[in-house]
């Protein structure tokens, strides 16, 4: 059996009164929605409505069905390219 590639991701949310950051490992091929679900963000912040709120990766808007990928951020906001 082949080893499953895991990606280290972090989910951040900042609302009017609360915020959170959750780091977790997810299998390659996980969608943005899947990461949000695995991080249990909606359970922690029931005020979030994914049908209304935009989501993004490194500050760039993306879709809930987009796949997350390895792109270690070096802190410049450009993903692994900067």
N, C-alpha and C. Protein backbone atom coordinates (compact mmCIF):
# COMPACT_ATOMS: atom_id res chain seq x y z
N UNK A 1 0.84 -1.18 0.00
CA UNK A 1 0.00 0.00 0.00
C UNK A 1 0.89 1.24 0.00
N UNK A 2 0.58 2.20 -0.88
CA UNK A 2 1.35 3.43 -0.98
C UNK A 2 1.05 4.35 0.20
N UNK A 3 2.07 5.07 0.60
CA UNK A 3 1.89 6.03 1.70
C UNK A 3 1.05 7.21 1.20
N UNK A 4 0.20 7.70 2.06
CA UNK A 4 -0.64 8.86 1.73
C UNK A 4 0.17 10.12 2.01
N UNK A 5 0.25 10.99 1.01
CA UNK A 5 0.95 12.26 1.20
C UNK A 5 0.08 13.18 2.05
N UNK A 6 0.66 13.71 3.12
CA UNK A 6 -0.05 14.64 3.98
C UNK A 6 0.47 16.05 3.77
N UNK A 7 -0.43 16.99 3.80
CA UNK A 7 -0.08 18.40 3.70
C UNK A 7 -0.37 19.07 5.02
N UNK A 8 0.54 19.91 5.48
CA UNK A 8 0.34 20.68 6.70
C UNK A 8 -0.36 21.97 6.30
N UNK A 9 -1.55 22.22 6.84
CA UNK A 9 -2.31 23.41 6.51
C UNK A 9 -2.72 24.13 7.79
N UNK A 10 -3.12 25.36 7.63
CA UNK A 10 -3.61 26.15 8.75
C UNK A 10 -4.86 26.88 8.32
N UNK A 11 -5.86 26.85 9.16
CA UNK A 11 -7.12 27.55 8.89
C UNK A 11 -7.22 28.69 9.89
N UNK A 12 -7.48 29.89 9.38
CA UNK A 12 -7.62 31.06 10.25
C UNK A 12 -8.97 31.72 9.99
N UNK A 13 -9.56 32.19 11.06
CA UNK A 13 -10.82 32.93 10.97
C UNK A 13 -10.75 34.10 11.94
N UNK A 14 -11.18 35.26 11.47
CA UNK A 14 -11.24 36.44 12.33
C UNK A 14 -12.61 37.07 12.15
N UNK A 15 -13.43 36.94 13.18
CA UNK A 15 -14.76 37.55 13.17
C UNK A 15 -14.75 38.84 13.96
N UNK A 16 -15.93 39.40 14.15
CA UNK A 16 -16.04 40.65 14.92
C UNK A 16 -15.64 40.47 16.38
N UNK A 17 -15.99 39.30 16.95
CA UNK A 17 -15.75 39.09 18.38
C UNK A 17 -14.83 37.93 18.71
N UNK A 18 -14.62 37.05 17.74
CA UNK A 18 -13.79 35.88 17.99
C UNK A 18 -12.87 35.62 16.81
N UNK A 19 -11.84 34.88 17.09
CA UNK A 19 -10.93 34.45 16.02
C UNK A 19 -10.33 33.11 16.43
N UNK A 20 -9.79 32.42 15.46
CA UNK A 20 -9.11 31.15 15.76
C UNK A 20 -8.15 30.81 14.63
N UNK A 21 -7.17 29.99 14.98
CA UNK A 21 -6.23 29.41 14.02
C UNK A 21 -6.08 27.95 14.39
N UNK A 22 -6.18 27.10 13.39
CA UNK A 22 -6.06 25.66 13.61
C UNK A 22 -5.08 25.11 12.59
N UNK A 23 -4.05 24.43 13.06
CA UNK A 23 -3.10 23.76 12.17
C UNK A 23 -3.44 22.27 12.17
N UNK A 24 -3.39 21.66 10.99
CA UNK A 24 -3.69 20.24 10.89
C UNK A 24 -3.05 19.67 9.64
N UNK A 25 -2.94 18.36 9.59
CA UNK A 25 -2.45 17.63 8.43
C UNK A 25 -3.64 17.03 7.70
N UNK A 26 -3.66 17.20 6.37
CA UNK A 26 -4.74 16.64 5.56
C UNK A 26 -4.13 15.87 4.40
N UNK A 27 -4.83 14.86 3.89
CA UNK A 27 -4.33 14.13 2.74
C UNK A 27 -4.28 15.02 1.50
N UNK A 28 -3.29 14.83 0.66
CA UNK A 28 -3.25 15.52 -0.63
C UNK A 28 -4.56 15.23 -1.35
N UNK A 29 -5.09 16.22 -2.04
CA UNK A 29 -6.37 16.04 -2.73
C UNK A 29 -7.56 16.52 -1.92
N UNK A 30 -7.33 17.05 -0.73
CA UNK A 30 -8.41 17.57 0.10
C UNK A 30 -8.85 18.94 -0.44
N UNK A 31 -10.14 19.18 -0.45
CA UNK A 31 -10.66 20.47 -0.89
C UNK A 31 -10.60 21.49 0.23
N UNK A 32 -10.76 22.75 -0.14
CA UNK A 32 -10.82 23.82 0.86
C UNK A 32 -11.97 23.54 1.83
N UNK A 33 -13.11 23.13 1.31
CA UNK A 33 -14.25 22.79 2.17
C UNK A 33 -13.87 21.65 3.13
N UNK A 34 -13.17 20.66 2.63
CA UNK A 34 -12.74 19.53 3.46
C UNK A 34 -11.82 19.96 4.59
N UNK A 35 -10.93 20.90 4.30
CA UNK A 35 -10.04 21.42 5.34
C UNK A 35 -10.84 22.16 6.40
N UNK A 36 -11.78 22.99 5.97
CA UNK A 36 -12.63 23.73 6.92
C UNK A 36 -13.40 22.75 7.80
N UNK A 37 -13.95 21.70 7.19
CA UNK A 37 -14.70 20.71 7.96
C UNK A 37 -13.79 19.97 8.94
N UNK A 38 -12.62 19.53 8.48
CA UNK A 38 -11.70 18.80 9.36
C UNK A 38 -11.21 19.66 10.53
N UNK A 39 -11.07 20.95 10.28
CA UNK A 39 -10.61 21.87 11.33
C UNK A 39 -11.73 22.23 12.31
N UNK A 40 -12.95 21.82 12.00
CA UNK A 40 -14.12 22.08 12.84
C UNK A 40 -14.36 23.57 13.08
N UNK A 41 -14.04 24.36 12.07
CA UNK A 41 -14.22 25.81 12.17
C UNK A 41 -15.69 26.17 12.33
N UNK A 42 -16.57 25.50 11.59
CA UNK A 42 -18.00 25.83 11.66
C UNK A 42 -18.59 25.47 13.01
N UNK A 43 -18.07 24.46 13.67
CA UNK A 43 -18.54 24.11 15.01
C UNK A 43 -18.09 25.16 16.02
N UNK A 44 -16.89 25.71 15.82
CA UNK A 44 -16.37 26.73 16.72
C UNK A 44 -17.01 28.10 16.48
N UNK A 45 -17.38 28.33 15.23
CA UNK A 45 -17.90 29.65 14.83
C UNK A 45 -19.19 29.47 14.02
N UNK A 46 -20.30 29.18 14.67
CA UNK A 46 -21.55 28.91 13.96
C UNK A 46 -22.07 30.12 13.17
N UNK A 47 -21.52 31.29 13.41
CA UNK A 47 -21.94 32.47 12.66
C UNK A 47 -21.45 32.45 11.21
N UNK A 48 -20.52 31.58 10.89
CA UNK A 48 -19.99 31.50 9.53
C UNK A 48 -21.01 30.85 8.61
N UNK A 49 -21.27 31.52 7.51
CA UNK A 49 -22.16 31.00 6.46
C UNK A 49 -21.33 30.87 5.20
N UNK A 50 -20.92 29.65 4.86
CA UNK A 50 -20.04 29.44 3.71
C UNK A 50 -20.70 29.83 2.39
N UNK A 51 -22.02 29.93 2.38
CA UNK A 51 -22.70 30.38 1.17
C UNK A 51 -22.54 31.89 0.97
N UNK A 52 -22.22 32.61 2.04
CA UNK A 52 -22.08 34.08 1.98
C UNK A 52 -20.64 34.55 2.08
N UNK A 53 -19.83 33.88 2.89
CA UNK A 53 -18.48 34.35 3.15
C UNK A 53 -17.50 33.85 2.10
N UNK A 54 -16.55 34.70 1.75
CA UNK A 54 -15.48 34.30 0.84
C UNK A 54 -14.40 33.57 1.62
N UNK A 55 -13.70 32.68 0.94
CA UNK A 55 -12.57 31.99 1.54
C UNK A 55 -11.36 32.23 0.66
N UNK A 56 -10.17 32.08 1.23
CA UNK A 56 -8.97 32.31 0.46
C UNK A 56 -7.79 31.50 0.98
N UNK A 57 -6.79 31.42 0.14
CA UNK A 57 -5.52 30.76 0.49
C UNK A 57 -4.43 31.81 0.33
N UNK A 58 -3.70 32.06 1.40
CA UNK A 58 -2.66 33.10 1.42
C UNK A 58 -3.21 34.43 0.92
N UNK A 59 -4.46 34.76 1.30
CA UNK A 59 -5.05 36.03 0.95
C UNK A 59 -5.64 36.13 -0.44
N UNK A 60 -5.60 35.03 -1.20
CA UNK A 60 -6.17 35.02 -2.54
C UNK A 60 -7.47 34.24 -2.52
N UNK A 61 -8.54 34.87 -2.97
CA UNK A 61 -9.86 34.22 -2.96
C UNK A 61 -9.83 32.92 -3.75
N UNK A 62 -10.52 31.91 -3.23
CA UNK A 62 -10.60 30.62 -3.91
C UNK A 62 -11.98 30.03 -3.67
N UNK A 63 -12.25 28.91 -4.32
CA UNK A 63 -13.53 28.24 -4.17
C UNK A 63 -13.47 27.13 -3.14
N UNK A 64 -14.61 26.78 -2.61
CA UNK A 64 -14.67 25.72 -1.60
C UNK A 64 -14.29 24.36 -2.18
N UNK A 65 -14.46 24.18 -3.49
CA UNK A 65 -14.12 22.90 -4.11
C UNK A 65 -12.71 22.87 -4.69
N UNK A 66 -11.95 23.96 -4.52
CA UNK A 66 -10.55 23.97 -4.95
C UNK A 66 -9.74 23.04 -4.06
N UNK A 67 -8.73 22.42 -4.64
CA UNK A 67 -7.86 21.53 -3.87
C UNK A 67 -6.76 22.33 -3.21
N UNK A 68 -6.44 21.96 -1.98
CA UNK A 68 -5.28 22.57 -1.33
C UNK A 68 -4.03 21.88 -1.86
N UNK A 69 -2.95 22.60 -1.87
CA UNK A 69 -1.70 22.06 -2.41
C UNK A 69 -0.54 22.51 -1.55
N UNK A 70 0.57 21.83 -1.69
CA UNK A 70 1.78 22.22 -0.98
C UNK A 70 2.26 23.54 -1.55
N UNK A 71 2.48 24.48 -0.69
CA UNK A 71 2.94 25.80 -1.12
C UNK A 71 3.40 26.56 0.09
N UNK A 72 4.41 26.02 0.75
CA UNK A 72 4.88 26.58 2.01
C UNK A 72 5.01 28.08 1.91
N UNK A 73 4.36 28.78 2.80
CA UNK A 73 4.38 30.23 2.81
C UNK A 73 5.62 30.70 3.54
N UNK A 74 6.33 31.62 2.91
CA UNK A 74 7.51 32.17 3.54
C UNK A 74 7.23 33.49 4.25
N UNK A 75 5.92 33.80 4.40
CA UNK A 75 5.54 34.98 5.16
C UNK A 75 5.31 36.21 4.32
N UNK A 76 5.54 36.15 3.01
CA UNK A 76 5.36 37.34 2.18
C UNK A 76 3.99 37.41 1.54
N UNK A 77 3.13 36.42 1.81
CA UNK A 77 1.78 36.42 1.25
C UNK A 77 1.71 35.90 -0.17
N UNK A 78 2.81 35.42 -0.70
CA UNK A 78 2.82 34.95 -2.09
C UNK A 78 2.89 33.43 -2.18
N UNK A 79 2.52 32.76 -1.14
CA UNK A 79 2.63 31.29 -1.15
C UNK A 79 4.09 30.88 -1.20
N UNK A 80 4.39 29.82 -1.90
CA UNK A 80 5.77 29.35 -1.97
C UNK A 80 6.58 30.01 -3.06
N UNK A 81 6.00 31.01 -3.76
CA UNK A 81 6.69 31.59 -4.90
C UNK A 81 7.46 32.86 -4.58
N UNK A 82 7.33 33.37 -3.36
CA UNK A 82 7.92 34.68 -3.11
C UNK A 82 9.08 34.66 -2.31
